[in-house]
Protein backbone atom coordinates (compact mmCIF):
# COMPACT_ATOMS: atom_id res chain seq x y z
CA MET A 1 0.00 0.00 0.00
CA ALA A 2 1.93 2.98 -1.27
CA THR A 3 0.58 6.14 0.34
CA ILE A 4 1.51 9.46 -1.23
CA GLY A 5 2.28 12.36 1.08
CA TYR A 6 4.09 15.70 0.98
CA CYS A 7 7.74 15.64 2.06
CA VAL A 8 8.81 18.96 3.56
CA LYS A 9 12.52 18.28 2.96
CA CYS A 10 12.12 17.22 -0.70
CA LYS A 11 9.40 19.86 -1.26
CA ALA A 12 7.45 17.37 -3.38
CA LYS A 13 4.92 14.58 -3.09
CA GLN A 14 6.67 11.28 -2.38
CA GLU A 15 5.69 7.73 -1.45
CA MET A 16 5.74 6.74 2.21
CA LYS A 17 7.35 3.62 3.58
CA ASP A 18 6.78 2.00 6.98
CA GLU A 19 3.28 3.48 7.03
CA GLU A 20 1.34 3.31 10.26
CA LYS A 21 -2.34 4.22 10.73
CA VAL A 22 -2.88 6.45 13.76
CA THR A 23 -5.82 8.32 15.27
CA LEU A 24 -5.51 11.97 16.25
CA LYS A 25 -6.77 13.33 19.58
CA ASN A 26 -9.92 14.61 17.89
CA GLY A 27 -10.68 11.14 16.51
CA LYS A 28 -9.72 11.74 12.89
CA PRO A 29 -7.59 9.13 11.06
CA ALA A 30 -4.03 9.85 9.92
CA THR A 31 -1.01 8.06 8.46
CA LYS A 32 2.61 8.49 9.45
CA GLY A 33 5.69 7.08 7.77
CA THR A 34 9.05 7.97 6.23
CA CYS A 35 10.02 9.39 2.83
CA THR A 36 11.39 6.79 0.41
CA VAL A 37 13.84 9.33 -1.07
CA CYS A 38 15.40 11.14 1.90
CA GLY A 39 14.15 9.24 4.98
CA THR A 40 12.43 12.22 6.62
CA LYS A 41 9.34 11.55 8.76
CA MET A 42 6.09 12.25 6.92
CA PHE A 43 2.54 12.74 8.20
CA LYS A 44 -0.74 12.72 6.27
CA ILE A 45 -4.09 13.62 7.83
CA GLY A 46 -7.05 11.64 6.52
CA GLY A 47 -7.86 8.02 5.79
């Protein structure tokens, strides 16, 4: 499952690896992972 998110370091949309589904404090779903290009942590709000 390749999730696309915005990498702040690359300044472009990249694929995430090691994705993990999380729930925010307000109950909304989110996904966190790492950038496949530079290894920076990424975060995407929404299912």
